[in-house]
Amino acid sequence: MIRNNLLYIGIFCVLIVASFMTWVKHQVAYDHIRHTAMAKFTLVEKITNKPFMPTIEIAGPKGEIVLLPEKGKFMLINLWSVKCKECISNLNALKNLRYIFLRNNKNWKIISVCIDKPEDLEQVSRIIKKYNISELAEYYDADKTLRKLIAPQTIPVTIIVSDDGRILYKIHGKAPWIDPDITTFLLTMLHVKDK
């Protein structure tokens, strides 16, 4: 009887050690993936205290009120302006990333929020039509709440929000969003809690 109990305890200990080693292996792999992806960005801030993003109302593509963040989904929220050429080329990369993710992954939501003044909205509409980006970029921060939260020094700027609503990263400038290292990093975030 004691022998059987010792055998069970031994098997249990081996399973615990094996599980821990698997976790360590995945964490080391994730750290490498994250480091490789971070090198592709112009400037990235890892938000160390990971605050919860407050609920913010913005205008959606059909004028409806959209609440951010969307709980249960990782979000990539980009701020842009029609007066920023780098923003517009960044929108094309985000459009392609969104297309890839919509086909293969429903756990991400990717949007670009316009921060222009109301008098510039006609020009914004022309850009959205020209580049066929209405589903991505026809969001508007009318009361500047999102802009105040993100407090961009320059645009474009993008935040990454976890599925539980925590702000994880703030990415400044244009980014190669469909670079394989970046897409791998974003998809890996779904399975590994960022430390």
Protein backbone atom coordinates (compact mmCIF):
# COMPACT_ATOMS: atom_id res chain seq x y z
CA MET A 1 0.00 0.00 0.00
CA ILE A 2 2.74 2.44 0.95
CA ARG A 3 4.66 1.42 -2.15
CA ASN A 4 1.67 2.25 -4.38
CA ASN A 5 1.21 5.63 -2.66
CA LEU A 6 4.91 6.43 -3.17
CA LEU A 7 4.57 5.44 -6.82
CA TYR A 8 1.58 7.78 -7.26
CA ILE A 9 3.41 10.60 -5.48
CA GLY A 10 6.43 10.04 -7.74
CA ILE A 11 4.29 10.09 -10.89
CA PHE A 12 2.55 13.25 -9.67
CA CYS A 13 5.91 14.96 -9.04
CA VAL A 14 7.16 14.00 -12.50
CA LEU A 15 4.01 15.47 -14.08
CA ILE A 16 4.44 18.72 -12.13
CA VAL A 17 8.08 19.03 -13.19
CA ALA A 18 7.20 18.21 -16.81
CA SER A 19 4.42 20.84 -16.79
CA PHE A 20 6.77 23.44 -15.33
CA MET A 21 9.46 22.66 -17.92
CA THR A 22 6.90 22.97 -20.73
CA TRP A 23 5.80 26.35 -19.34
CA VAL A 24 9.43 27.54 -19.14
CA LYS A 25 10.06 26.39 -22.72
CA HIS A 26 6.99 28.29 -23.98
CA GLN A 27 7.90 31.42 -22.00
CA VAL A 28 11.46 31.41 -23.38
CA ALA A 29 10.10 30.96 -26.92
CA TYR A 30 7.60 33.80 -26.36
CA ASP A 31 10.33 36.10 -25.03
CA HIS A 32 12.35 35.44 -28.20
CA ILE A 33 9.31 36.06 -30.43
CA ARG A 34 8.51 39.28 -28.54
CA HIS A 35 12.11 40.54 -28.72
CA THR A 36 12.31 39.85 -32.48
CA ALA A 37 9.01 41.64 -33.14
CA MET A 38 9.86 44.64 -30.95
CA ALA A 39 13.00 45.25 -33.01
CA LYS A 40 10.77 45.86 -36.07
CA PHE A 41 8.97 48.84 -34.52
CA THR A 42 10.34 52.39 -34.63
CA LEU A 43 9.55 52.98 -30.95
CA VAL A 44 7.58 50.75 -28.63
CA GLU A 45 6.69 51.21 -24.98
CA LYS A 46 5.89 48.13 -22.95
CA ILE A 47 3.38 49.31 -20.37
CA THR A 48 4.79 47.84 -17.18
CA ASN A 49 1.89 48.47 -14.80
CA LYS A 50 -0.66 47.25 -17.41
CA PRO A 51 -3.59 49.47 -16.37
CA PHE A 52 -7.11 48.57 -17.37
CA MET A 53 -8.32 50.72 -20.22
CA PRO A 54 -11.39 52.65 -19.13
CA THR A 55 -14.52 52.22 -21.22
CA ILE A 56 -14.50 54.86 -23.94
CA GLU A 57 -17.21 55.78 -26.45
CA ILE A 58 -16.26 56.52 -30.05
CA ALA A 59 -18.31 56.87 -33.22
CA GLY A 60 -18.39 53.75 -35.40
CA PRO A 61 -18.58 53.29 -39.18
CA LYS A 62 -22.35 53.81 -39.32
CA GLY A 63 -22.41 56.61 -36.74
CA GLU A 64 -23.25 54.17 -33.95
CA ILE A 65 -21.60 54.37 -30.55
CA VAL A 66 -18.78 51.84 -30.13
CA LEU A 67 -17.43 51.00 -26.70
CA LEU A 68 -13.70 50.39 -26.30
CA PRO A 69 -12.14 48.10 -25.30
CA GLU A 70 -14.15 45.12 -26.51
CA LYS A 71 -13.91 42.60 -23.69
CA GLY A 72 -12.87 39.09 -24.64
CA LYS A 73 -10.80 40.24 -27.64
CA PHE A 74 -7.29 41.48 -28.03
CA MET A 75 -7.41 44.89 -29.66
CA LEU A 76 -5.02 46.85 -31.78
CA ILE A 77 -6.25 50.46 -31.68
CA ASN A 78 -4.53 52.93 -33.98
CA LEU A 79 -4.89 56.72 -33.97
CA TRP A 80 -4.53 58.51 -37.30
CA SER A 81 -5.09 61.81 -39.04
CA VAL A 82 -5.75 62.69 -42.68
CA LYS A 83 -2.97 65.29 -42.44
CA CYS A 84 -0.35 62.65 -41.65
CA LYS A 85 1.13 60.85 -44.70
CA GLU A 86 2.78 58.23 -42.50
CA CYS A 87 -0.63 57.51 -40.96
CA ILE A 88 -2.18 56.80 -44.34
CA SER A 89 0.53 54.36 -45.42
CA ASN A 90 0.24 52.75 -41.97
CA LEU A 91 -3.49 52.29 -42.62
CA ASN A 92 -2.73 50.17 -45.67
CA ALA A 93 -0.51 47.86 -43.61
CA LEU A 94 -3.20 47.65 -40.90
CA LYS A 95 -5.83 46.89 -43.56
CA ASN A 96 -3.74 43.93 -44.72
CA LEU A 97 -3.17 42.74 -41.15
CA ARG A 98 -6.88 42.99 -40.43
CA TYR A 99 -7.66 40.96 -43.54
CA ILE A 100 -5.19 38.23 -42.51
CA PHE A 101 -6.54 38.14 -38.96
CA LEU A 102 -10.22 38.13 -39.99
CA ARG A 103 -9.62 35.06 -42.13
CA ASN A 104 -7.64 33.17 -39.51
CA ASN A 105 -8.43 34.51 -36.08
CA LYS A 106 -11.56 35.95 -34.49
CA ASN A 107 -9.89 36.82 -31.17
CA TRP A 108 -8.39 40.08 -32.44
CA LYS A 109 -10.12 43.34 -33.33
CA ILE A 110 -8.12 45.88 -35.32
CA ILE A 111 -9.41 49.43 -35.76
CA SER A 112 -8.02 52.83 -36.66
CA VAL A 113 -9.62 55.83 -35.01
CA CYS A 114 -9.54 59.23 -36.72
CA ILE A 115 -8.62 62.17 -34.49
CA ASP A 116 -9.20 64.94 -37.03
CA LYS A 117 -11.36 68.00 -36.43
CA PRO A 118 -14.99 67.91 -37.65
CA GLU A 119 -14.17 70.33 -40.50
CA ASP A 120 -11.71 67.75 -41.91
CA LEU A 121 -14.20 64.86 -42.03
CA GLU A 122 -14.98 65.35 -45.72
CA GLN A 123 -11.29 64.84 -46.53
CA VAL A 124 -11.24 61.85 -44.16
CA SER A 125 -14.16 60.31 -46.10
CA ARG A 126 -12.28 60.74 -49.38
CA ILE A 127 -9.19 58.96 -48.00
CA ILE A 128 -11.32 56.14 -46.59
CA LYS A 129 -13.02 55.62 -49.97
CA LYS A 130 -9.78 55.96 -51.96
CA TYR A 131 -8.02 53.23 -49.96
CA ASN A 132 -11.14 51.12 -49.31
CA ILE A 133 -10.60 51.11 -45.55
CA SER A 134 -14.08 51.87 -44.20
CA GLU A 135 -14.31 48.80 -41.94
CA LEU A 136 -10.88 49.53 -40.49
CA ALA A 137 -10.73 53.31 -40.27
CA GLU A 138 -14.23 54.77 -40.17
CA TYR A 139 -14.09 55.29 -36.41
CA TYR A 140 -13.99 58.78 -34.92
CA ASP A 141 -12.88 60.09 -31.53
CA ALA A 142 -15.31 63.02 -31.46
CA ASP A 143 -14.77 64.12 -27.87
CA LYS A 144 -11.01 63.32 -27.90
CA THR A 145 -11.33 60.91 -24.95
CA LEU A 146 -9.22 58.24 -26.62
CA ARG A 147 -6.63 60.78 -27.70
CA LYS A 148 -6.36 62.06 -24.10
CA LEU A 149 -5.96 58.51 -22.79
CA ILE A 150 -3.23 57.56 -25.26
CA ALA A 151 -1.60 61.02 -25.15
CA PRO A 152 0.37 60.60 -28.39
CA GLN A 153 3.51 62.64 -28.84
CA THR A 154 3.27 61.94 -32.58
CA ILE A 155 0.97 59.98 -34.85
CA PRO A 156 0.40 57.34 -35.95
CA VAL A 157 0.34 55.69 -32.56
CA THR A 158 -1.13 52.29 -31.73
CA ILE A 159 -1.99 50.58 -28.47
CA ILE A 160 -2.36 46.88 -27.91
CA VAL A 161 -5.03 45.93 -25.38
CA SER A 162 -5.37 42.44 -23.89
CA ASP A 163 -8.57 40.40 -23.91
CA ASP A 164 -9.21 41.44 -20.30
CA GLY A 165 -8.86 45.15 -21.15
CA ARG A 166 -5.30 45.88 -20.01
CA ILE A 167 -3.10 48.22 -22.05
CA LEU A 168 0.04 46.21 -22.89
CA TYR A 169 1.97 48.22 -25.49
CA LYS A 170 2.08 51.65 -27.08
CA ILE A 171 3.68 51.67 -30.54
CA HIS A 172 4.80 54.99 -32.01
CA GLY A 173 5.08 55.57 -35.74
CA LYS A 174 4.42 53.50 -38.81
CA ALA A 175 4.98 49.75 -38.48
CA PRO A 176 5.42 46.79 -40.84
CA TRP A 177 2.24 45.16 -39.50
CA ILE A 178 2.26 42.16 -41.84
CA ASP A 179 5.89 41.27 -41.16
CA PRO A 180 5.89 37.57 -40.15
CA ASP A 181 7.70 38.30 -36.86
CA ILE A 182 5.04 40.84 -35.87
CA THR A 183 2.08 38.67 -36.87
CA THR A 184 3.61 35.71 -35.00
CA PHE A 185 4.06 37.90 -31.93
CA LEU A 186 0.46 39.14 -32.07
CA LEU A 187 -0.95 35.64 -32.49
CA THR A 188 1.28 34.26 -29.73
CA MET A 189 -0.11 36.86 -27.34
CA LEU A 190 -3.40 34.96 -27.44
CA HIS A 191 -1.79 31.97 -25.73
CA VAL A 192 0.86 33.44 -23.43
CA LYS A 193 0.11 36.01 -20.77
CA ASP A 194 2.50 38.89 -21.31
CA LYS A 195 4.60 39.44 -18.20
